[in-house]
N, C-alpha and C. Protein backbone atom coordinates (compact mmCIF):
# COMPACT_ATOMS: atom_id res chain seq x y z
N MET A 1 0.80 -0.96 0.19
CA MET A 1 -0.10 -0.19 -0.02
C MET A 1 0.89 1.37 0.12
N SER A 2 0.59 2.15 -0.78
CA SER A 2 1.21 3.37 -0.96
C SER A 2 1.20 4.38 0.44
N ALA A 3 2.11 5.20 0.31
CA ALA A 3 2.02 6.22 1.70
C ALA A 3 0.75 7.13 1.20
N ALA A 4 0.41 7.27 -0.02
CA ALA A 4 -0.99 8.16 -0.16
C ALA A 4 -2.15 7.65 0.14
N GLU A 5 -2.36 6.18 -0.02
CA GLU A 5 -3.33 5.22 0.33
C GLU A 5 -3.42 5.41 2.16
N LYS A 6 -2.46 5.18 2.64
CA LYS A 6 -1.92 5.10 4.08
C LYS A 6 -2.77 6.08 4.75
N GLY A 7 -2.98 7.51 4.00
CA GLY A 7 -3.39 8.54 4.48
C GLY A 7 -2.32 9.29 5.35
N SER A 8 -1.32 9.63 4.72
CA SER A 8 0.21 10.27 4.92
C SER A 8 -0.13 11.47 5.94
N SER A 9 0.34 11.73 6.89
CA SER A 9 0.56 13.10 7.84
C SER A 9 0.93 14.05 7.02
N SER A 10 0.40 14.85 6.22
CA SER A 10 0.92 15.89 5.41
C SER A 10 0.63 17.21 6.21
N ALA A 11 1.52 18.12 6.06
CA ALA A 11 1.36 19.63 6.62
C ALA A 11 0.87 20.51 5.51
N LYS A 12 0.49 21.45 5.82
CA LYS A 12 -0.08 22.73 4.78
C LYS A 12 0.86 23.80 4.68
N ASP A 13 1.45 24.03 3.52
CA ASP A 13 2.29 25.31 3.31
C ASP A 13 1.51 26.53 3.83
N ASP A 14 2.14 27.53 3.18
CA ASP A 14 1.57 28.93 3.64
C ASP A 14 0.21 29.42 2.79
N LYS A 15 0.73 28.54 1.39
CA LYS A 15 -0.72 28.57 0.31
C LYS A 15 -1.58 27.79 0.46
N GLY A 16 -1.79 26.67 1.73
CA GLY A 16 -2.72 25.69 2.07
C GLY A 16 -2.41 24.26 1.06
N LYS A 17 -1.38 24.46 0.42
CA LYS A 17 -1.07 23.10 -0.18
C LYS A 17 -0.40 22.00 0.65
N ALA A 18 -0.74 20.57 0.49
CA ALA A 18 -0.41 19.71 1.31
C ALA A 18 1.33 19.52 1.06
N THR A 19 1.83 19.36 1.89
CA THR A 19 3.57 19.23 1.76
C THR A 19 3.71 17.95 2.40
N ARG A 20 4.53 17.35 1.68
CA ARG A 20 5.01 15.61 2.33
C ARG A 20 6.11 15.59 2.70
N ASP A 21 6.57 14.84 3.76
CA ASP A 21 7.83 14.85 4.36
C ASP A 21 8.71 13.98 3.25
N PRO A 22 9.83 14.29 3.17
CA PRO A 22 10.71 13.47 2.13
C PRO A 22 10.91 12.07 2.44
N LYS A 23 10.66 11.66 3.61
CA LYS A 23 11.03 10.27 4.06
C LYS A 23 9.81 9.51 3.47
N GLU A 24 8.60 9.95 3.51
CA GLU A 24 7.44 9.53 2.94
C GLU A 24 7.17 9.48 1.59
N ILE A 25 7.97 10.58 0.69
CA ILE A 25 8.07 10.23 -0.62
C ILE A 25 9.18 9.45 -0.89
N ARG A 26 10.07 9.02 -0.25
CA ARG A 26 10.98 7.88 -0.97
C ARG A 26 10.51 6.69 -0.56
N GLU A 27 9.90 6.34 0.72
CA GLU A 27 8.90 5.16 0.69
C GLU A 27 7.96 5.00 -0.26
N GLU A 28 7.43 5.77 -0.88
CA GLU A 28 6.63 5.66 -1.89
C GLU A 28 6.97 5.46 -2.99
N ILE A 29 8.07 5.98 -3.49
CA ILE A 29 9.09 5.60 -4.50
C ILE A 29 9.55 4.29 -4.55
N GLU A 30 9.95 3.72 -3.33
CA GLU A 30 10.49 2.52 -3.27
C GLU A 30 9.32 1.69 -3.58
N GLU A 31 8.02 1.81 -2.84
CA GLU A 31 7.18 0.76 -3.05
C GLU A 31 6.70 0.70 -4.33
N THR A 32 6.76 1.93 -5.21
CA THR A 32 6.52 1.86 -6.58
C THR A 32 7.00 1.11 -7.53
N ARG A 33 8.70 1.24 -6.90
CA ARG A 33 9.69 0.65 -7.80
C ARG A 33 9.10 -0.90 -7.60
N ASP A 34 9.17 -1.13 -6.28
CA ASP A 34 9.20 -2.76 -6.21
C ASP A 34 7.54 -3.58 -7.09
N GLU A 35 6.35 -2.61 -6.97
CA GLU A 35 5.57 -2.99 -7.70
C GLU A 35 5.81 -3.16 -9.23
N LEU A 36 6.53 -2.07 -9.67
CA LEU A 36 6.86 -1.87 -11.07
C LEU A 36 7.62 -3.03 -11.76
N GLY A 37 8.66 -3.55 -10.57
CA GLY A 37 9.71 -4.70 -10.91
C GLY A 37 8.82 -5.68 -10.82
N GLU A 38 7.75 -6.01 -10.04
CA GLU A 38 6.69 -7.19 -9.97
C GLU A 38 5.88 -6.91 -11.46
N THR A 39 5.78 -6.14 -11.84
CA THR A 39 4.84 -6.07 -13.06
C THR A 39 5.52 -6.64 -14.11
N VAL A 40 6.78 -5.91 -14.11
CA VAL A 40 7.58 -6.21 -15.63
C VAL A 40 8.12 -7.66 -15.25
N SER A 41 8.47 -8.30 -14.30
CA SER A 41 8.52 -9.63 -14.37
C SER A 41 7.58 -10.50 -14.87
N ALA A 42 6.34 -10.03 -14.23
CA ALA A 42 5.31 -10.79 -14.90
C ALA A 42 4.80 -11.03 -16.36
N VAL A 43 4.92 -9.98 -16.70
CA VAL A 43 4.86 -9.39 -18.38
C VAL A 43 5.74 -10.47 -18.88
N ALA A 44 7.26 -10.26 -18.55
CA ALA A 44 8.36 -10.78 -19.08
C ALA A 44 7.97 -12.39 -19.09
N GLU A 45 7.72 -12.91 -18.06
CA GLU A 45 7.13 -14.32 -17.89
C GLU A 45 6.16 -14.96 -19.01
N LYS A 46 5.26 -13.66 -19.01
CA LYS A 46 4.08 -14.28 -19.84
C LYS A 46 4.38 -14.02 -21.36
N THR A 47 5.04 -13.20 -21.75
CA THR A 47 5.82 -13.15 -23.11
C THR A 47 6.91 -13.89 -23.60
N ASP A 48 7.36 -14.90 -22.83
CA ASP A 48 8.41 -15.54 -23.15
C ASP A 48 7.80 -17.00 -23.64
N VAL A 49 7.78 -16.63 -24.91
CA VAL A 49 7.20 -17.82 -25.82
C VAL A 49 7.84 -19.09 -25.76
N LYS A 50 9.39 -19.09 -25.77
CA LYS A 50 10.15 -20.31 -25.81
C LYS A 50 10.25 -21.00 -24.49
N LYS A 51 9.98 -20.23 -23.41
CA LYS A 51 9.86 -20.99 -22.29
C LYS A 51 8.55 -21.29 -21.88
N GLN A 52 7.54 -20.92 -22.26
CA GLN A 52 6.17 -21.58 -22.40
C GLN A 52 6.04 -22.95 -23.16
N ALA A 53 6.72 -22.88 -24.32
CA ALA A 53 6.70 -23.59 -25.09
C ALA A 53 7.65 -25.32 -24.72
N LYS A 54 8.73 -24.68 -24.10
CA LYS A 54 8.97 -26.00 -23.54
C LYS A 54 8.60 -26.15 -22.18
N ALA A 55 8.15 -25.72 -21.46
CA ALA A 55 7.05 -26.12 -20.35
C ALA A 55 5.77 -27.17 -20.83
N LYS A 56 5.15 -26.59 -22.09
CA LYS A 56 4.50 -27.49 -22.67
C LYS A 56 4.42 -28.81 -23.16
N ALA A 57 5.75 -28.63 -23.84
CA ALA A 57 6.45 -29.91 -24.32
C ALA A 57 6.95 -30.84 -23.40
N LYS A 58 7.28 -30.44 -22.14
CA LYS A 58 7.56 -31.32 -21.12
C LYS A 58 6.61 -31.88 -20.28
N GLN A 59 5.44 -30.93 -20.15
CA GLN A 59 4.14 -31.49 -19.84
C GLN A 59 3.78 -32.77 -20.77
N ALA A 60 3.55 -32.51 -21.88
CA ALA A 60 3.33 -33.66 -22.96
C ALA A 60 4.08 -34.88 -23.19
N THR A 61 5.38 -34.59 -22.68
CA THR A 61 6.34 -35.83 -22.48
C THR A 61 6.11 -36.50 -21.12
N ASP A 62 5.85 -35.83 -20.47
CA ASP A 62 5.45 -36.29 -19.29
C ASP A 62 4.09 -37.38 -19.22
N LYS A 63 3.22 -36.59 -19.75
CA LYS A 63 1.86 -37.11 -19.69
C LYS A 63 2.15 -38.58 -20.77
N ALA A 64 2.53 -38.50 -22.04
CA ALA A 64 2.94 -39.73 -22.52
C ALA A 64 3.72 -40.71 -22.05
N ARG A 65 4.64 -40.21 -21.04
CA ARG A 65 5.51 -41.35 -20.42
C ARG A 65 4.75 -42.07 -19.59
N ASP A 66 3.93 -41.47 -18.91
CA ASP A 66 2.64 -42.01 -17.90
C ASP A 66 2.06 -42.88 -18.62
N ALA A 67 1.40 -42.74 -19.68
CA ALA A 67 0.20 -43.53 -20.34
C ALA A 67 1.20 -45.06 -20.96
N ALA A 68 2.14 -44.24 -21.27
CA ALA A 68 3.07 -45.66 -21.91
C ALA A 68 3.25 -46.70 -21.22
N PRO A 69 3.43 -47.99 -21.81
CA PRO A 69 3.92 -49.10 -21.02
C PRO A 69 5.35 -49.08 -20.71
N GLU A 70 5.76 -49.54 -19.49
CA GLU A 70 6.90 -49.46 -19.22
C GLU A 70 7.83 -50.41 -20.10
N SER A 71 7.43 -51.79 -20.81
CA SER A 71 8.16 -52.58 -21.56
C SER A 71 7.48 -53.21 -22.56
N ALA A 72 8.20 -53.83 -23.58
CA ALA A 72 7.34 -54.38 -24.66
C ALA A 72 6.53 -55.77 -24.12
N GLN A 73 6.87 -56.19 -23.10
CA GLN A 73 6.03 -57.53 -22.37
C GLN A 73 4.67 -56.56 -21.73
N GLU A 74 4.72 -55.47 -21.27
CA GLU A 74 3.66 -54.69 -20.52
C GLU A 74 2.79 -54.36 -21.67
N GLY A 75 3.38 -53.90 -22.80
CA GLY A 75 2.87 -53.37 -24.05
C GLY A 75 1.78 -54.59 -24.73
N VAL A 76 2.33 -55.78 -24.68
CA VAL A 76 1.89 -56.88 -25.23
C VAL A 76 0.70 -57.28 -24.40
N GLN A 77 0.99 -57.56 -22.81
CA GLN A 77 -0.19 -57.59 -21.97
C GLN A 77 -1.37 -56.68 -21.98
N GLN A 78 -1.13 -55.26 -22.15
CA GLN A 78 -1.97 -54.32 -22.38
C GLN A 78 -2.90 -54.43 -23.71
N ALA A 79 -2.27 -54.87 -24.81
CA ALA A 79 -3.05 -55.12 -26.19
C ALA A 79 -3.80 -56.19 -25.81
N GLN A 80 -3.52 -57.55 -25.25
CA GLN A 80 -4.22 -58.72 -24.98
C GLN A 80 -5.48 -58.33 -24.05
N ARG A 81 -5.44 -57.32 -23.18
CA ARG A 81 -7.00 -56.87 -22.32
C ARG A 81 -7.37 -56.26 -22.81
N LEU A 82 -6.85 -55.23 -23.97
CA LEU A 82 -7.88 -54.07 -24.98
C LEU A 82 -8.58 -55.40 -25.60
N ALA A 83 -8.05 -56.44 -26.62
CA ALA A 83 -8.62 -57.12 -27.10
C ALA A 83 -9.65 -58.15 -26.57
N GLN A 84 -9.53 -58.48 -25.38
CA GLN A 84 -10.38 -59.12 -24.52
C GLN A 84 -11.41 -58.60 -24.34
N GLU A 85 -11.52 -57.10 -23.61
CA GLU A 85 -12.48 -56.37 -23.50
C GLU A 85 -13.24 -55.82 -24.66
N ASN A 86 -12.59 -55.66 -25.80
CA ASN A 86 -13.37 -55.10 -27.16
C ASN A 86 -13.01 -56.11 -28.18
N PRO A 87 -13.79 -57.20 -27.94
CA PRO A 87 -13.35 -58.25 -29.11
C PRO A 87 -14.04 -57.94 -30.65
N VAL A 88 -15.38 -57.17 -30.52
CA VAL A 88 -15.93 -56.66 -31.80
C VAL A 88 -15.06 -55.65 -32.30
N PRO A 89 -14.83 -54.95 -32.38
CA PRO A 89 -13.62 -53.68 -33.01
C PRO A 89 -12.24 -54.56 -33.60
N LEU A 90 -11.94 -55.45 -32.35
CA LEU A 90 -10.64 -56.27 -33.24
C LEU A 90 -11.08 -57.14 -34.32
N ALA A 91 -12.36 -57.81 -33.88
CA ALA A 91 -12.51 -58.34 -35.34
C ALA A 91 -12.90 -57.84 -36.41
N ILE A 92 -13.70 -56.64 -36.26
CA ILE A 92 -13.73 -55.68 -37.49
C ILE A 92 -12.70 -55.48 -38.21
N ALA A 93 -11.27 -55.00 -37.47
CA ALA A 93 -10.23 -54.63 -37.95
C ALA A 93 -9.53 -55.73 -38.61
N GLY A 94 -9.49 -56.74 -38.09
CA GLY A 94 -8.88 -57.94 -38.82
C GLY A 94 -9.79 -58.41 -40.03
N ALA A 95 -10.90 -58.10 -39.86
CA ALA A 95 -11.71 -58.72 -41.46
C ALA A 95 -11.28 -57.58 -42.22
N PHE A 96 -10.96 -56.09 -41.82
CA PHE A 96 -10.89 -55.20 -42.77
C PHE A 96 -9.31 -55.53 -43.43
N VAL A 97 -8.30 -55.94 -42.79
CA VAL A 97 -6.89 -56.20 -43.26
C VAL A 97 -6.94 -57.47 -43.87
N THR A 98 -7.74 -58.44 -43.78
CA THR A 98 -7.73 -59.51 -44.30
C THR A 98 -8.66 -59.53 -45.64
N GLY A 99 -9.33 -58.54 -45.86
CA GLY A 99 -9.94 -58.13 -46.79
C GLY A 99 -8.99 -57.09 -48.02
N LEU A 100 -8.22 -56.21 -47.40
CA LEU A 100 -7.26 -55.54 -48.03
C LEU A 100 -6.22 -56.39 -48.81
N LEU A 101 -5.63 -57.34 -47.78
CA LEU A 101 -4.80 -58.31 -48.62
C LEU A 101 -5.33 -59.29 -49.54
N ILE A 102 -6.64 -59.64 -49.52
CA ILE A 102 -7.08 -60.54 -50.59
C ILE A 102 -7.33 -59.78 -51.82
N GLY A 103 -7.66 -58.56 -51.39
CA GLY A 103 -7.83 -57.70 -52.79
C GLY A 103 -6.39 -57.25 -53.46
N ARG A 104 -5.41 -57.06 -52.69
CA ARG A 104 -4.10 -57.03 -53.31
C ARG A 104 -3.74 -58.26 -54.07
N LEU A 105 -3.94 -59.35 -53.33
CA LEU A 105 -3.48 -60.37 -54.30
C LEU A 105 -4.13 -60.67 -55.55
N LEU A 106 -5.61 -60.37 -55.09
CA LEU A 106 -6.19 -60.70 -56.49
C LEU A 106 -6.53 -59.79 -57.53
N SER A 107 -5.52 -58.55 -57.30
CA SER A 107 -5.71 -57.75 -58.30
C SER A 107 -3.87 -57.63 -58.96
N ARG A 108 -3.22 -58.62 -58.69
CA ARG A 108 -1.85 -58.46 -59.05
C ARG A 108 -2.06 -59.38 -60.53
């Protein structure tokens, strides 16, 4: 909070204008500098496209790593479970591939 917001203890000069203590002015300047520094840092971080792209790439890599099986054996087991849980789509895909192979053989 700035010195002006705190309700500084200002004195009046002989023309009725408020005068402030130099110490209060210095404190207000220092607070303003701190606020400005924080604002500049926030804006600089938001505009750092390269840093944001690296962060997004790292998130995607971590997500893919978590979803991927640890080994080939685990991948085979995962495929077997998927085939057992959903036999109809697997049968349709098998029939499609078989049809493609037969069509290629007959077109020769």
